[in-house]
Amino acid sequence: MFLGQEDDLGSIEPGKHADMVLLDADPLADISNVARISAVFKGGQRVDLGALSLPVNE
């Protein structure tokens, strides 16, 4: 953790900044489940996956 940033980083709570990927299935059960992306958050903001140029959107 970065010193002095405990109020913004280090856990998932309202008001904190977060970069995370939410999956629809357990990647420990099957590694191919990493492709089953439900949502992505960058800097605490949800990313519109449909607006990205990704192979899964084509």
C-alpha atoms as a PDB file:
ATOM      1  CA  MET A   1       0.000   0.000   0.000  1.00  0.00           C
ATOM      2  CA  PHE A   2       1.106   3.540  -0.558  1.00  0.00           C
ATOM      3  CA  LEU A   3       1.755   5.621   2.533  1.00  0.00           C
ATOM      4  CA  GLY A   4      -0.753   8.383   3.056  1.00  0.00           C
ATOM      5  CA  GLN A   5      -3.332   6.933   0.640  1.00  0.00           C
ATOM      6  CA  GLU A   6      -5.203   4.631   3.019  1.00  0.00           C
ATOM      7  CA  ASP A   7      -8.351   6.752   2.620  1.00  0.00           C
ATOM      8  CA  ASP A   8      -8.383   6.149  -1.160  1.00  0.00           C
ATOM      9  CA  LEU A   9      -6.778   2.723  -1.736  1.00  0.00           C
ATOM     10  CA  GLY A  10      -6.391  -0.729  -0.211  1.00  0.00           C
ATOM     11  CA  SER A  11      -9.940  -2.041   0.039  1.00  0.00           C
ATOM     12  CA  ILE A  12     -13.232  -2.060  -1.824  1.00  0.00           C
ATOM     13  CA  GLU A  13     -15.467   0.516  -0.163  1.00  0.00           C
ATOM     14  CA  PRO A  14     -17.688   3.393  -1.306  1.00  0.00           C
ATOM     15  CA  GLY A  15     -15.605   6.459  -2.098  1.00  0.00           C
ATOM     16  CA  LYS A  16     -12.354   4.589  -2.722  1.00  0.00           C
ATOM     17  CA  HIS A  17     -10.598   4.257  -6.081  1.00  0.00           C
ATOM     18  CA  ALA A  18     -10.598   0.746  -7.500  1.00  0.00           C
ATOM     19  CA  ASP A  19      -9.245  -1.079 -10.525  1.00  0.00           C
ATOM     20  CA  MET A  20     -10.896  -4.482 -10.715  1.00  0.00           C
ATOM     21  CA  VAL A  21     -12.378  -7.042 -13.051  1.00  0.00           C
ATOM     22  CA  LEU A  22     -15.534  -8.931 -12.077  1.00  0.00           C
ATOM     23  CA  LEU A  23     -15.974 -12.363 -13.628  1.00  0.00           C
ATOM     24  CA  ASP A  24     -19.125 -14.435 -14.178  1.00  0.00           C
ATOM     25  CA  ALA A  25     -17.355 -17.674 -13.230  1.00  0.00           C
ATOM     26  CA  ASP A  26     -14.521 -18.928 -11.031  1.00  0.00           C
ATOM     27  CA  PRO A  27     -11.134 -18.862 -12.831  1.00  0.00           C
ATOM     28  CA  LEU A  28      -9.769 -21.330 -10.267  1.00  0.00           C
ATOM     29  CA  ALA A  29     -12.305 -23.910 -11.442  1.00  0.00           C
ATOM     30  CA  ASP A  30     -11.422 -23.364 -15.122  1.00  0.00           C
ATOM     31  CA  ILE A  31      -8.801 -20.884 -16.350  1.00  0.00           C
ATOM     32  CA  SER A  32     -10.869 -20.127 -19.465  1.00  0.00           C
ATOM     33  CA  ASN A  33     -13.354 -18.388 -17.136  1.00  0.00           C
ATOM     34  CA  VAL A  34     -11.054 -15.342 -17.177  1.00  0.00           C
ATOM     35  CA  ALA A  35     -12.728 -14.519 -20.507  1.00  0.00           C
ATOM     36  CA  ARG A  36     -16.165 -14.337 -18.810  1.00  0.00           C
ATOM     37  CA  ILE A  37     -15.898 -10.672 -17.842  1.00  0.00           C
ATOM     38  CA  SER A  38     -18.964  -9.214 -16.186  1.00  0.00           C
ATOM     39  CA  ALA A  39     -17.648  -5.714 -15.435  1.00  0.00           C
ATOM     40  CA  VAL A  40     -14.434  -3.684 -15.309  1.00  0.00           C
ATOM     41  CA  PHE A  41     -13.755  -0.750 -12.996  1.00  0.00           C
ATOM     42  CA  LYS A  42     -10.844   1.636 -13.591  1.00  0.00           C
ATOM     43  CA  GLY A  43     -10.146   4.334 -11.029  1.00  0.00           C
ATOM     44  CA  GLY A  44     -13.442   3.556  -9.336  1.00  0.00           C
ATOM     45  CA  GLN A  45     -15.460   4.149 -12.523  1.00  0.00           C
ATOM     46  CA  ARG A  46     -17.224   1.401 -14.460  1.00  0.00           C
ATOM     47  CA  VAL A  47     -15.835   0.924 -17.979  1.00  0.00           C
ATOM     48  CA  ASP A  48     -18.360   0.592 -20.824  1.00  0.00           C
ATOM     49  CA  LEU A  49     -17.052  -2.632 -22.368  1.00  0.00           C
ATOM     50  CA  GLY A  50     -19.326  -2.258 -25.392  1.00  0.00           C
ATOM     51  CA  ALA A  51     -17.595   0.989 -26.331  1.00  0.00           C
ATOM     52  CA  LEU A  52     -14.171  -0.667 -26.444  1.00  0.00           C
ATOM     53  CA  SER A  53     -12.635  -2.203 -29.538  1.00  0.00           C
ATOM     54  CA  LEU A  54     -12.296  -5.762 -28.251  1.00  0.00           C
ATOM     55  CA  PRO A  55     -12.451  -9.075 -30.095  1.00  0.00           C
ATOM     56  CA  VAL A  56     -15.395 -10.113 -27.913  1.00  0.00           C
ATOM     57  CA  ASN A  57     -17.371  -7.078 -29.143  1.00  0.00           C
ATOM     58  CA  GLU A  58     -16.894  -7.833 -32.843  1.00  0.00           C
END
